[in-house]
């Protein structure tokens, strides 16, 4: 059948970013029902080709097929579906791309796109994923947990909490899946199955990621803890100076070690903030005046913060509070509908 080579190539250009060079599943174009599907790690990309390409079916090696179409110069080529592969003809040339084994195309069948129930995407769903993406490897509970309007993530240093405007389902996504999803914009619809979460983009592209089993995820315990450590009107709160992040970065060069963590000593005084660090090879100290005097800071408060976690939280917000519960302190970074609870350590004790 004669097809528009340039139009097909443009769609495959978008699809091939979801594949990888190599063998088997991660280097395959799988055609079905007018879509081309590619798989990369735990993420699948489904590009809508249009009704004119519905006749295409089967799985072939992605890089080879894309390379040949790229080398042709004519506007149209003939593509025929044979029993053993896809045949591409142009002028006096002919190429056969042999079908890969059935297990590759079965990955597409298992997604069951035709049976999905789609619902509107919360406007701030992508913001929630971005806020909760921790970007570190020292996880206690890896991934982003979504339930209703709530999105949260937890590791040994912090708890991130984001309340969306609308409900977004009930699932747990691994960090690598969230990272891939955030490479795309224009989220419009959401669906989920027992195995995957699906995001539909404005152009009809479907990006899906494998769900992580969440049977052991202590969601109730975490949400109860969040309620307990959420700052109240009585807790010290304010806005950190603009140059606070730079000060943390400088102090981290000579960060101290506490229980295997690179920490900085912070003193929150009503007149200034002090950051200091010390190790065998040197020490650092810096004071920074407040731009706005925080409320409730009647006495100096000394804590030790893990430097990389502090820098991460500062990317989210400079509005802060210091929460003390059961002798432990937490530095809480507060946004309009989100909070980052950062573990703080007292000297000689976590």
C-alpha atoms as a PDB file:
ATOM      1  CA  UNK A   1       0.000   0.000   0.000  1.00  0.00           C
ATOM      2  CA  UNK A   2       1.295   3.439  -0.913  1.00  0.00           C
ATOM      3  CA  UNK A   3       1.923   5.696   2.106  1.00  0.00           C
ATOM      4  CA  UNK A   4       3.269   9.170   2.713  1.00  0.00           C
ATOM      5  CA  UNK A   5       6.861   8.480   3.734  1.00  0.00           C
ATOM      6  CA  UNK A   6       7.466  11.919   5.215  1.00  0.00           C
ATOM      7  CA  UNK A   7       4.350  11.796   7.401  1.00  0.00           C
ATOM      8  CA  UNK A   8       5.181   8.300   8.646  1.00  0.00           C
ATOM      9  CA  UNK A   9       8.793   9.260   9.269  1.00  0.00           C
ATOM     10  CA  UNK A  10       7.758  12.267  11.349  1.00  0.00           C
ATOM     11  CA  UNK A  11       5.634  10.073  13.620  1.00  0.00           C
ATOM     12  CA  UNK A  12       8.371   7.465  13.895  1.00  0.00           C
ATOM     13  CA  UNK A  13      10.828  10.221  14.815  1.00  0.00           C
ATOM     14  CA  UNK A  14       8.706  10.912  17.891  1.00  0.00           C
ATOM     15  CA  UNK A  15       8.338   7.210  18.634  1.00  0.00           C
ATOM     16  CA  UNK A  16      11.980   6.253  18.347  1.00  0.00           C
ATOM     17  CA  UNK A  17      12.874   8.354  21.410  1.00  0.00           C
ATOM     18  CA  UNK A  18      11.037   5.676  23.360  1.00  0.00           C
ATOM     19  CA  UNK A  19      13.245   2.897  22.014  1.00  0.00           C
ATOM     20  CA  UNK A  20      16.884   2.013  22.516  1.00  0.00           C
ATOM     21  CA  UNK A  21      19.574   0.548  20.326  1.00  0.00           C
ATOM     22  CA  UNK A  22      20.115  -3.103  21.008  1.00  0.00           C
ATOM     23  CA  UNK A  23      18.161  -6.277  20.796  1.00  0.00           C
ATOM     24  CA  UNK A  24      14.629  -7.462  21.434  1.00  0.00           C
ATOM     25  CA  UNK A  25      11.949  -5.397  23.187  1.00  0.00           C
ATOM     26  CA  UNK A  26      13.703  -2.043  23.600  1.00  0.00           C
ATOM     27  CA  UNK A  27      14.532  -1.745  19.889  1.00  0.00           C
ATOM     28  CA  UNK A  28      11.179  -2.442  18.268  1.00  0.00           C
ATOM     29  CA  UNK A  29       8.374  -0.645  16.481  1.00  0.00           C
ATOM     30  CA  UNK A  30       5.129  -2.471  17.237  1.00  0.00           C
ATOM     31  CA  UNK A  31       2.262  -1.501  14.919  1.00  0.00           C
ATOM     32  CA  UNK A  32      -1.371  -2.050  15.877  1.00  0.00           C
ATOM     33  CA  UNK A  33      -4.676  -0.246  15.227  1.00  0.00           C
ATOM     34  CA  UNK A  34      -3.105   2.885  13.780  1.00  0.00           C
ATOM     35  CA  UNK A  35      -0.546   3.266  16.588  1.00  0.00           C
ATOM     36  CA  UNK A  36       3.176   2.593  16.769  1.00  0.00           C
ATOM     37  CA  UNK A  37       4.390   1.485  20.197  1.00  0.00           C
ATOM     38  CA  UNK A  38       7.890   1.555  21.657  1.00  0.00           C
ATOM     39  CA  UNK A  39       9.146   0.352  25.026  1.00  0.00           C
ATOM     40  CA  UNK A  40      12.013   1.622  27.151  1.00  0.00           C
ATOM     41  CA  UNK A  41      12.663   0.194  30.599  1.00  0.00           C
ATOM     42  CA  UNK A  42       9.332   0.499  32.428  1.00  0.00           C
ATOM     43  CA  UNK A  43       7.822   3.095  30.070  1.00  0.00           C
ATOM     44  CA  UNK A  44       5.867   2.638  26.836  1.00  0.00           C
ATOM     45  CA  UNK A  45       5.228   5.282  24.186  1.00  0.00           C
ATOM     46  CA  UNK A  46       2.211   4.932  21.876  1.00  0.00           C
ATOM     47  CA  UNK A  47       2.109   7.362  18.927  1.00  0.00           C
ATOM     48  CA  UNK A  48      -1.105   7.706  16.927  1.00  0.00           C
ATOM     49  CA  UNK A  49      -0.226   7.416  13.226  1.00  0.00           C
ATOM     50  CA  UNK A  50      -3.713   7.984  11.824  1.00  0.00           C
ATOM     51  CA  UNK A  51      -6.303   5.868  10.045  1.00  0.00           C
ATOM     52  CA  UNK A  52      -4.248   5.657   6.847  1.00  0.00           C
ATOM     53  CA  UNK A  53      -1.700   3.520   8.721  1.00  0.00           C
ATOM     54  CA  UNK A  54      -4.165   1.159  10.403  1.00  0.00           C
ATOM     55  CA  UNK A  55      -3.176  -1.602   7.983  1.00  0.00           C
ATOM     56  CA  UNK A  56       0.296  -1.776   9.574  1.00  0.00           C
ATOM     57  CA  UNK A  57       0.658  -4.568  12.113  1.00  0.00           C
ATOM     58  CA  UNK A  58       3.421  -6.562  13.742  1.00  0.00           C
ATOM     59  CA  UNK A  59       6.747  -5.787  15.435  1.00  0.00           C
ATOM     60  CA  UNK A  60       9.991  -5.039  13.589  1.00  0.00           C
ATOM     61  CA  UNK A  61      13.443  -3.729  14.489  1.00  0.00           C
ATOM     62  CA  UNK A  62      13.026   0.023  15.057  1.00  0.00           C
ATOM     63  CA  UNK A  63      16.440   1.458  14.219  1.00  0.00           C
ATOM     64  CA  UNK A  64      16.764  -0.430  10.916  1.00  0.00           C
ATOM     65  CA  UNK A  65      13.279   0.482   9.669  1.00  0.00           C
ATOM     66  CA  UNK A  66      13.692   4.130  10.650  1.00  0.00           C
ATOM     67  CA  UNK A  67      17.135   4.316   9.059  1.00  0.00           C
ATOM     68  CA  UNK A  68      15.941   3.030   5.682  1.00  0.00           C
ATOM     69  CA  UNK A  69      12.945   5.372   5.531  1.00  0.00           C
ATOM     70  CA  UNK A  70      15.278   8.254   6.395  1.00  0.00           C
ATOM     71  CA  UNK A  71      17.585   7.413   3.484  1.00  0.00           C
ATOM     72  CA  UNK A  72      14.828   7.501   0.872  1.00  0.00           C
ATOM     73  CA  UNK A  73      14.170  10.884  -0.752  1.00  0.00           C
ATOM     74  CA  UNK A  74      10.808  10.354  -2.454  1.00  0.00           C
ATOM     75  CA  UNK A  75       7.574  11.546  -0.855  1.00  0.00           C
ATOM     76  CA  UNK A  76       5.842   8.163  -0.937  1.00  0.00           C
ATOM     77  CA  UNK A  77       6.785   4.497  -0.619  1.00  0.00           C
ATOM     78  CA  UNK A  78       4.894   1.204  -0.769  1.00  0.00           C
ATOM     79  CA  UNK A  79       4.613  -0.845   2.423  1.00  0.00           C
ATOM     80  CA  UNK A  80       3.065  -4.299   2.336  1.00  0.00           C
ATOM     81  CA  UNK A  81       2.202  -6.552   5.268  1.00  0.00           C
ATOM     82  CA  UNK A  82       3.416 -10.073   4.522  1.00  0.00           C
ATOM     83  CA  UNK A  83       3.152 -13.234   6.589  1.00  0.00           C
ATOM     84  CA  UNK A  84       6.722 -12.910   7.816  1.00  0.00           C
ATOM     85  CA  UNK A  85       7.315  -9.157   7.910  1.00  0.00           C
ATOM     86  CA  UNK A  86       6.859  -5.698   6.417  1.00  0.00           C
ATOM     87  CA  UNK A  87       7.989  -5.162   2.840  1.00  0.00           C
ATOM     88  CA  UNK A  88       9.092  -1.667   1.795  1.00  0.00           C
ATOM     89  CA  UNK A  89       9.298  -0.906  -1.931  1.00  0.00           C
ATOM     90  CA  UNK A  90      10.463   2.217  -3.716  1.00  0.00           C
ATOM     91  CA  UNK A  91      11.282   2.355  -7.404  1.00  0.00           C
ATOM     92  CA  UNK A  92      13.384  -0.711  -8.157  1.00  0.00           C
ATOM     93  CA  UNK A  93      14.373  -1.292  -4.508  1.00  0.00           C
ATOM     94  CA  UNK A  94      12.779  -3.700  -2.068  1.00  0.00           C
ATOM     95  CA  UNK A  95      13.463  -4.437   1.609  1.00  0.00           C
ATOM     96  CA  UNK A  96      11.927  -6.946   3.996  1.00  0.00           C
ATOM     97  CA  UNK A  97      11.852  -6.310   7.740  1.00  0.00           C
ATOM     98  CA  UNK A  98      11.215  -9.632   9.440  1.00  0.00           C
ATOM     99  CA  UNK A  99       8.678  -9.738  12.244  1.00  0.00           C
ATOM    100  CA  UNK A 100      10.121 -10.137  15.711  1.00  0.00           C
ATOM    101  CA  UNK A 101       8.853 -12.916  17.925  1.00  0.00           C
ATOM    102  CA  UNK A 102       5.259 -12.719  19.105  1.00  0.00           C
ATOM    103  CA  UNK A 103       6.191 -11.862  22.694  1.00  0.00           C
ATOM    104  CA  UNK A 104       7.167  -8.343  21.555  1.00  0.00           C
ATOM    105  CA  UNK A 105       3.742  -7.538  20.124  1.00  0.00           C
ATOM    106  CA  UNK A 106       2.137  -9.257  23.094  1.00  0.00           C
ATOM    107  CA  UNK A 107       3.443  -6.400  25.241  1.00  0.00           C
ATOM    108  CA  UNK A 108       1.100  -4.130  23.281  1.00  0.00           C
ATOM    109  CA  UNK A 109      -1.812  -6.550  23.666  1.00  0.00           C
ATOM    110  CA  UNK A 110      -1.221  -6.661  27.413  1.00  0.00           C
ATOM    111  CA  UNK A 111      -1.695  -2.890  27.655  1.00  0.00           C
ATOM    112  CA  UNK A 112      -5.278  -3.317  26.328  1.00  0.00           C
ATOM    113  CA  UNK A 113      -5.578   0.305  25.217  1.00  0.00           C
ATOM    114  CA  UNK A 114      -9.005  -0.311  23.705  1.00  0.00           C
ATOM    115  CA  UNK A 115     -10.501  -1.188  27.102  1.00  0.00           C
ATOM    116  CA  UNK A 116      -9.126   1.765  29.083  1.00  0.00           C
ATOM    117  CA  UNK A 117     -11.467   4.210  30.802  1.00  0.00           C
ATOM    118  CA  UNK A 118     -10.074   7.729  30.458  1.00  0.00           C
ATOM    119  CA  UNK A 119     -10.827  10.594  32.828  1.00  0.00           C
ATOM    120  CA  UNK A 120      -9.722  14.248  32.873  1.00  0.00           C
ATOM    121  CA  UNK A 121      -6.231  14.970  34.101  1.00  0.00           C
ATOM    122  CA  UNK A 122      -5.947  17.287  37.135  1.00  0.00           C
ATOM    123  CA  UNK A 123      -4.386  20.536  35.941  1.00  0.00           C
ATOM    124  CA  UNK A 124      -1.638  20.246  38.539  1.00  0.00           C
ATOM    125  CA  UNK A 125      -0.919  16.508  38.169  1.00  0.00           C
ATOM    126  CA  UNK A 126       2.370  17.131  36.395  1.00  0.00           C
ATOM    127  CA  UNK A 127       3.328  19.694  39.057  1.00  0.00           C
ATOM    128  CA  UNK A 128       2.602  17.093  41.734  1.00  0.00           C
ATOM    129  CA  UNK A 129       4.868  14.514  40.088  1.00  0.00           C
ATOM    130  CA  UNK A 130       7.635  17.080  39.656  1.00  0.00           C
ATOM    131  CA  UNK A 131       7.410  18.218  43.273  1.00  0.00           C
ATOM    132  CA  UNK A 132       7.478  14.661  44.615  1.00  0.00           C
ATOM    133  CA  UNK A 133      10.340  13.432  42.430  1.00  0.00           C
ATOM    134  CA  UNK A 134      13.121  13.110  44.984  1.00  0.00           C
ATOM    135  CA  UNK A 135      15.954  12.527  42.546  1.00  0.00           C
ATOM    136  CA  UNK A 136      18.140  10.616  45.002  1.00  0.00           C
ATOM    137  CA  UNK A 137      18.895   6.941  45.479  1.00  0.00           C
ATOM    138  CA  UNK A 138      18.842   6.501  49.250  1.00  0.00           C
ATOM    139  CA  UNK A 139      15.194   5.473  49.372  1.00  0.00           C
ATOM    140  CA  UNK A 140      13.221   3.933  52.151  1.00  0.00           C
ATOM    141  CA  UNK A 141      10.052   4.022  50.040  1.00  0.00           C
ATOM    142  CA  UNK A 142      10.915   4.487  46.391  1.00  0.00           C
ATOM    143  CA  UNK A 143       8.518   6.266  44.076  1.00  0.00           C
ATOM    144  CA  UNK A 144       5.581   8.664  44.095  1.00  0.00           C
ATOM    145  CA  UNK A 145       2.368   7.508  45.772  1.00  0.00           C
ATOM    146  CA  UNK A 146      -0.863   8.980  44.417  1.00  0.00           C
ATOM    147  CA  UNK A 147      -4.215   8.515  46.127  1.00  0.00           C
ATOM    148  CA  UNK A 148      -7.149  10.758  45.332  1.00  0.00           C
ATOM    149  CA  UNK A 149      -5.923  14.351  45.469  1.00  0.00           C
ATOM    150  CA  UNK A 150      -2.783  13.434  47.401  1.00  0.00           C
ATOM    151  CA  UNK A 151       0.693  12.833  45.952  1.00  0.00           C
ATOM    152  CA  UNK A 152       3.598  12.085  48.270  1.00  0.00           C
ATOM    153  CA  UNK A 153       7.108  10.674  48.378  1.00  0.00           C
ATOM    154  CA  UNK A 154       9.288   9.582  51.274  1.00  0.00           C
ATOM    155  CA  UNK A 155      12.937   8.787  51.844  1.00  0.00           C
ATOM    156  CA  UNK A 156      15.224   8.754  54.852  1.00  0.00           C
ATOM    157  CA  UNK A 157      15.613  12.550  54.782  1.00  0.00           C
ATOM    158  CA  UNK A 158      12.280  14.046  53.797  1.00  0.00           C
ATOM    159  CA  UNK A 159       8.580  13.719  53.141  1.00  0.00           C
ATOM    160  CA  UNK A 160       7.075  15.545  50.159  1.00  0.00           C
ATOM    161  CA  UNK A 161       3.353  16.260  50.170  1.00  0.00           C
ATOM    162  CA  UNK A 162       1.280  17.765  47.340  1.00  0.00           C
ATOM    163  CA  UNK A 163      -2.495  18.229  47.355  1.00  0.00           C
ATOM    164  CA  UNK A 164      -3.941  18.410  43.834  1.00  0.00           C
ATOM    165  CA  UNK A 165      -7.120  20.276  42.925  1.00  0.00           C
ATOM    166  CA  UNK A 166      -8.839  17.140  41.612  1.00  0.00           C
ATOM    167  CA  UNK A 167      -8.564  13.400  42.206  1.00  0.00           C
ATOM    168  CA  UNK A 168      -5.981  11.507  40.146  1.00  0.00           C
ATOM    169  CA  UNK A 169      -6.541   7.842  40.957  1.00  0.00           C
ATOM    170  CA  UNK A 170      -4.789   5.382  43.245  1.00  0.00           C
ATOM    171  CA  UNK A 171      -1.318   4.082  42.300  1.00  0.00           C
ATOM    172  CA  UNK A 172       2.411   4.015  43.059  1.00  0.00           C
ATOM    173  CA  UNK A 173       4.972   4.911  40.367  1.00  0.00           C
ATOM    174  CA  UNK A 174       8.689   4.239  40.520  1.00  0.00           C
ATOM    175  CA  UNK A 175      11.059   7.177  40.284  1.00  0.00           C
ATOM    176  CA  UNK A 176      12.346   6.115  36.843  1.00  0.00           C
ATOM    177  CA  UNK A 177       8.776   6.079  35.478  1.00  0.00           C
ATOM    178  CA  UNK A 178       8.059   9.539  36.891  1.00  0.00           C
ATOM    179  CA  UNK A 179      11.319  10.816  35.382  1.00  0.00           C
ATOM    180  CA  UNK A 180      10.256   9.610  31.923  1.00  0.00           C
ATOM    181  CA  UNK A 181       6.724  11.014  32.246  1.00  0.00           C
ATOM    182  CA  UNK A 182       8.089  14.439  33.138  1.00  0.00           C
ATOM    183  CA  UNK A 183       9.896  14.609  29.791  1.00  0.00           C
ATOM    184  CA  UNK A 184       6.490  15.305  28.236  1.00  0.00           C
ATOM    185  CA  UNK A 185       4.134  18.287  28.440  1.00  0.00           C
ATOM    186  CA  UNK A 186       0.435  18.868  27.768  1.00  0.00           C
ATOM    187  CA  UNK A 187      -1.077  16.117  29.937  1.00  0.00           C
ATOM    188  CA  UNK A 188      -4.831  15.945  29.190  1.00  0.00           C
ATOM    189  CA  UNK A 189      -6.207  12.549  30.293  1.00  0.00           C
ATOM    190  CA  UNK A 190      -5.365   9.763  32.703  1.00  0.00           C
ATOM    191  CA  UNK A 191      -6.201   6.055  32.848  1.00  0.00           C
ATOM    192  CA  UNK A 192      -4.961   3.080  34.816  1.00  0.00           C
ATOM    193  CA  UNK A 193      -5.027  -0.692  34.690  1.00  0.00           C
ATOM    194  CA  UNK A 194      -3.814  -3.330  37.099  1.00  0.00           C
ATOM    195  CA  UNK A 195      -0.339  -3.129  35.574  1.00  0.00           C
ATOM    196  CA  UNK A 196       0.144   0.395  34.203  1.00  0.00           C
ATOM    197  CA  UNK A 197      -0.736   4.084  34.481  1.00  0.00           C
ATOM    198  CA  UNK A 198      -1.511   5.858  31.191  1.00  0.00           C
ATOM    199  CA  UNK A 199      -1.154   9.555  30.363  1.00  0.00           C
ATOM    200  CA  UNK A 200      -2.657  10.914  27.146  1.00  0.00           C
ATOM    201  CA  UNK A 201      -1.089  14.036  25.659  1.00  0.00           C
ATOM    202  CA  UNK A 202      -2.796  16.751  23.655  1.00  0.00           C
ATOM    203  CA  UNK A 203      -1.679  15.284  20.309  1.00  0.00           C
ATOM    204  CA  UNK A 204      -3.101  11.839  21.144  1.00  0.00           C
ATOM    205  CA  UNK A 205       0.222  10.305  22.180  1.00  0.00           C
ATOM    206  CA  UNK A 206      -0.080   7.878  25.098  1.00  0.00           C
ATOM    207  CA  UNK A 207       2.760   7.547  27.603  1.00  0.00           C
ATOM    208  CA  UNK A 208       2.415   4.726  30.093  1.00  0.00           C
ATOM    209  CA  UNK A 209       4.473   3.471  32.994  1.00  0.00           C
ATOM    210  CA  UNK A 210       4.463   0.250  34.923  1.00  0.00           C
ATOM    211  CA  UNK A 211       2.857   0.480  38.352  1.00  0.00           C
ATOM    212  CA  UNK A 212       4.866  -0.528  41.380  1.00  0.00           C
ATOM    213  CA  UNK A 213       3.223  -2.958  43.791  1.00  0.00           C
ATOM    214  CA  UNK A 214       2.035  -0.945  46.777  1.00  0.00           C
ATOM    215  CA  UNK A 215       0.663  -3.634  49.086  1.00  0.00           C
ATOM    216  CA  UNK A 216       3.301  -2.831  51.717  1.00  0.00           C
ATOM    217  CA  UNK A 217       3.222   0.953  51.330  1.00  0.00           C
ATOM    218  CA  UNK A 218       2.271   2.400  54.763  1.00  0.00           C
ATOM    219  CA  UNK A 219       0.098   5.198  53.376  1.00  0.00           C
ATOM    220  CA  UNK A 220      -2.110   5.554  56.453  1.00  0.00           C
ATOM    221  CA  UNK A 221       0.919   5.733  58.734  1.00  0.00           C
ATOM    222  CA  UNK A 222       2.577   8.389  56.576  1.00  0.00           C
ATOM    223  CA  UNK A 223      -0.518  10.574  56.276  1.00  0.00           C
ATOM    224  CA  UNK A 224      -1.009  10.354  60.053  1.00  0.00           C
ATOM    225  CA  UNK A 225       2.611  11.428  60.540  1.00  0.00           C
ATOM    226  CA  UNK A 226       2.116  14.345  58.135  1.00  0.00           C
ATOM    227  CA  UNK A 227      -0.820  15.561  60.211  1.00  0.00           C
ATOM    228  CA  UNK A 228       1.334  15.348  63.326  1.00  0.00           C
ATOM    229  CA  UNK A 229       4.301  17.247  61.896  1.00  0.00           C
ATOM    230  CA  UNK A 230       2.390  19.906  59.952  1.00  0.00           C
ATOM    231  CA  UNK A 231       3.285  23.320  61.435  1.00  0.00           C
ATOM    232  CA  UNK A 232       0.720  25.283  63.420  1.00  0.00           C
ATOM    233  CA  UNK A 233       0.408  29.011  64.108  1.00  0.00           C
ATOM    234  CA  UNK A 234       2.581  28.592  67.204  1.00  0.00           C
ATOM    235  CA  UNK A 235       5.619  27.259  65.330  1.00  0.00           C
ATOM    236  CA  UNK A 236       8.402  29.604  64.125  1.00  0.00           C
ATOM    237  CA  UNK A 237       7.872  30.487  60.479  1.00  0.00           C
ATOM    238  CA  UNK A 238       8.948  32.967  57.844  1.00  0.00           C
ATOM    239  CA  UNK A 239      10.731  33.320  54.513  1.00  0.00           C
ATOM    240  CA  UNK A 240      14.367  32.441  54.014  1.00  0.00           C
ATOM    241  CA  UNK A 241      16.637  35.108  52.486  1.00  0.00           C
ATOM    242  CA  UNK A 242      17.217  35.025  48.740  1.00  0.00           C
ATOM    243  CA  UNK A 243      20.899  34.126  49.175  1.00  0.00           C
ATOM    244  CA  UNK A 244      20.219  31.316  51.674  1.00  0.00           C
ATOM    245  CA  UNK A 245      20.627  28.648  48.983  1.00  0.00           C
ATOM    246  CA  UNK A 246      24.043  30.017  47.987  1.00  0.00           C
ATOM    247  CA  UNK A 247      25.145  29.976  51.615  1.00  0.00           C
ATOM    248  CA  UNK A 248      24.121  26.316  51.944  1.00  0.00           C
ATOM    249  CA  UNK A 249      26.083  25.502  48.803  1.00  0.00           C
ATOM    250  CA  UNK A 250      29.236  27.139  50.152  1.00  0.00           C
ATOM    251  CA  UNK A 251      28.938  25.512  53.571  1.00  0.00           C
ATOM    252  CA  UNK A 252      28.413  22.084  51.982  1.00  0.00           C
ATOM    253  CA  UNK A 253      31.969  22.147  50.583  1.00  0.00           C
ATOM    254  CA  UNK A 254      33.256  21.339  54.080  1.00  0.00           C
ATOM    255  CA  UNK A 255      30.144  19.560  55.353  1.00  0.00           C
ATOM    256  CA  UNK A 256      30.450  17.485  58.488  1.00  0.00           C
ATOM    257  CA  UNK A 257      29.614  13.791  58.685  1.00  0.00           C
ATOM    258  CA  UNK A 258      26.860  12.539  60.963  1.00  0.00           C
ATOM    259  CA  UNK A 259      25.697   8.923  60.739  1.00  0.00           C
ATOM    260  CA  UNK A 260      27.012   8.741  57.180  1.00  0.00           C
ATOM    261  CA  UNK A 261      25.277  11.967  56.086  1.00  0.00           C
ATOM    262  CA  UNK A 262      26.910  15.198  54.894  1.00  0.00           C
ATOM    263  CA  UNK A 263      25.393  17.759  57.261  1.00  0.00           C
ATOM    264  CA  UNK A 264      25.590  21.491  57.940  1.00  0.00           C
ATOM    265  CA  UNK A 265      25.033  23.078  61.328  1.00  0.00           C
ATOM    266  CA  UNK A 266      22.319  25.725  61.135  1.00  0.00           C
ATOM    267  CA  UNK A 267      21.488  28.287  63.810  1.00  0.00           C
ATOM    268  CA  UNK A 268      18.192  30.118  63.342  1.00  0.00           C
ATOM    269  CA  UNK A 269      18.392  33.290  65.428  1.00  0.00           C
ATOM    270  CA  UNK A 270      15.951  36.188  65.345  1.00  0.00           C
ATOM    271  CA  UNK A 271      18.807  38.437  64.183  1.00  0.00           C
ATOM    272  CA  UNK A 272      20.509  36.166  61.631  1.00  0.00           C
ATOM    273  CA  UNK A 273      20.955  32.654  60.201  1.00  0.00           C
ATOM    274  CA  UNK A 274      24.308  30.967  60.652  1.00  0.00           C
ATOM    275  CA  UNK A 275      25.642  28.044  58.617  1.00  0.00           C
ATOM    276  CA  UNK A 276      28.796  26.229  59.678  1.00  0.00           C
ATOM    277  CA  UNK A 277      30.561  23.019  58.793  1.00  0.00           C
ATOM    278  CA  UNK A 278      33.771  21.307  59.768  1.00  0.00           C
ATOM    279  CA  UNK A 279      35.842  18.299  58.810  1.00  0.00           C
ATOM    280  CA  UNK A 280      39.441  17.197  59.245  1.00  0.00           C
ATOM    281  CA  UNK A 281      40.563  19.243  56.232  1.00  0.00           C
ATOM    282  CA  UNK A 282      38.985  22.555  57.230  1.00  0.00           C
ATOM    283  CA  UNK A 283      35.935  24.433  58.462  1.00  0.00           C
ATOM    284  CA  UNK A 284      33.471  27.062  57.260  1.00  0.00           C
ATOM    285  CA  UNK A 285      31.196  29.617  58.934  1.00  0.00           C
ATOM    286  CA  UNK A 286      28.849  32.268  57.522  1.00  0.00           C
ATOM    287  CA  UNK A 287      26.117  34.507  58.935  1.00  0.00           C
ATOM    288  CA  UNK A 288      23.247  35.870  56.890  1.00  0.00           C
ATOM    289  CA  UNK A 289      20.824  38.616  57.896  1.00  0.00           C
ATOM    290  CA  UNK A 290      17.099  38.095  57.530  1.00  0.00           C
ATOM    291  CA  UNK A 291      15.315  40.010  54.805  1.00  0.00           C
ATOM    292  CA  UNK A 292      12.122  39.562  56.838  1.00  0.00           C
ATOM    293  CA  UNK A 293      12.252  38.729  60.556  1.00  0.00           C
ATOM    294  CA  UNK A 294      10.455  35.365  61.051  1.00  0.00           C
ATOM    295  CA  UNK A 295       7.568  35.061  63.488  1.00  0.00           C
ATOM    296  CA  UNK A 296       7.817  33.012  66.672  1.00  0.00           C
ATOM    297  CA  UNK A 297      11.603  32.702  66.724  1.00  0.00           C
ATOM    298  CA  UNK A 298      12.008  33.798  70.336  1.00  0.00           C
ATOM    299  CA  UNK A 299      15.033  31.615  71.088  1.00  0.00           C
ATOM    300  CA  UNK A 300      17.868  30.465  68.797  1.00  0.00           C
ATOM    301  CA  UNK A 301      17.213  27.030  67.282  1.00  0.00           C
ATOM    302  CA  UNK A 302      20.159  24.832  66.301  1.00  0.00           C
ATOM    303  CA  UNK A 303      19.742  21.936  63.877  1.00  0.00           C
ATOM    304  CA  UNK A 304      21.888  19.907  61.494  1.00  0.00           C
ATOM    305  CA  UNK A 305      20.580  19.620  57.923  1.00  0.00           C
ATOM    306  CA  UNK A 306      21.670  17.174  55.244  1.00  0.00           C
ATOM    307  CA  UNK A 307      23.039  19.522  52.580  1.00  0.00           C
ATOM    308  CA  UNK A 308      21.719  17.913  49.367  1.00  0.00           C
ATOM    309  CA  UNK A 309      18.234  17.525  50.843  1.00  0.00           C
ATOM    310  CA  UNK A 310      18.236  21.179  51.906  1.00  0.00           C
ATOM    311  CA  UNK A 311      19.262  22.322  48.423  1.00  0.00           C
ATOM    312  CA  UNK A 312      16.513  20.165  46.920  1.00  0.00           C
ATOM    313  CA  UNK A 313      13.859  21.669  49.195  1.00  0.00           C
ATOM    314  CA  UNK A 314      14.981  25.209  48.403  1.00  0.00           C
ATOM    315  CA  UNK A 315      14.162  24.570  44.743  1.00  0.00           C
ATOM    316  CA  UNK A 316      10.532  24.212  45.854  1.00  0.00           C
ATOM    317  CA  UNK A 317      10.035  27.110  48.255  1.00  0.00           C
ATOM    318  CA  UNK A 318      11.770  29.595  50.566  1.00  0.00           C
ATOM    319  CA  UNK A 319       8.789  29.809  52.920  1.00  0.00           C
ATOM    320  CA  UNK A 320       9.602  27.717  55.982  1.00  0.00           C
ATOM    321  CA  UNK A 321       8.553  26.661  59.456  1.00  0.00           C
ATOM    322  CA  UNK A 322      10.371  24.760  62.189  1.00  0.00           C
ATOM    323  CA  UNK A 323       8.285  22.004  63.747  1.00  0.00           C
ATOM    324  CA  UNK A 324       9.253  20.307  67.003  1.00  0.00           C
ATOM    325  CA  UNK A 325       7.541  17.038  67.925  1.00  0.00           C
ATOM    326  CA  UNK A 326       8.636  14.609  70.617  1.00  0.00           C
ATOM    327  CA  UNK A 327      12.053  16.228  70.860  1.00  0.00           C
ATOM    328  CA  UNK A 328      12.688  16.065  67.087  1.00  0.00           C
ATOM    329  CA  UNK A 329      12.854  19.076  64.788  1.00  0.00           C
ATOM    330  CA  UNK A 330      11.878  19.333  61.132  1.00  0.00           C
ATOM    331  CA  UNK A 331      12.432  22.178  58.731  1.00  0.00           C
ATOM    332  CA  UNK A 332       9.267  22.417  56.640  1.00  0.00           C
ATOM    333  CA  UNK A 333       9.289  24.179  53.262  1.00  0.00           C
ATOM    334  CA  UNK A 334       5.781  25.342  52.412  1.00  0.00           C
ATOM    335  CA  UNK A 335       4.224  26.103  49.020  1.00  0.00           C
ATOM    336  CA  UNK A 336       0.660  27.044  48.121  1.00  0.00           C
ATOM    337  CA  UNK A 337      -0.574  23.443  48.068  1.00  0.00           C
ATOM    338  CA  UNK A 338       2.555  21.490  48.945  1.00  0.00           C
ATOM    339  CA  UNK A 339       4.991  20.874  51.769  1.00  0.00           C
ATOM    340  CA  UNK A 340       8.474  19.397  52.010  1.00  0.00           C
ATOM    341  CA  UNK A 341       9.241  18.060  55.492  1.00  0.00           C
ATOM    342  CA  UNK A 342      13.006  17.973  55.869  1.00  0.00           C
ATOM    343  CA  UNK A 343      14.588  15.922  58.633  1.00  0.00           C
ATOM    344  CA  UNK A 344      16.736  17.962  60.989  1.00  0.00           C
ATOM    345  CA  UNK A 345      19.226  16.398  63.364  1.00  0.00           C
ATOM    346  CA  UNK A 346      20.301  17.486  66.819  1.00  0.00           C
ATOM    347  CA  UNK A 347      23.960  17.223  67.726  1.00  0.00           C
ATOM    348  CA  UNK A 348      24.904  13.657  68.532  1.00  0.00           C
ATOM    349  CA  UNK A 349      21.392  12.396  67.840  1.00  0.00           C
ATOM    350  CA  UNK A 350      19.297  11.789  64.724  1.00  0.00           C
END
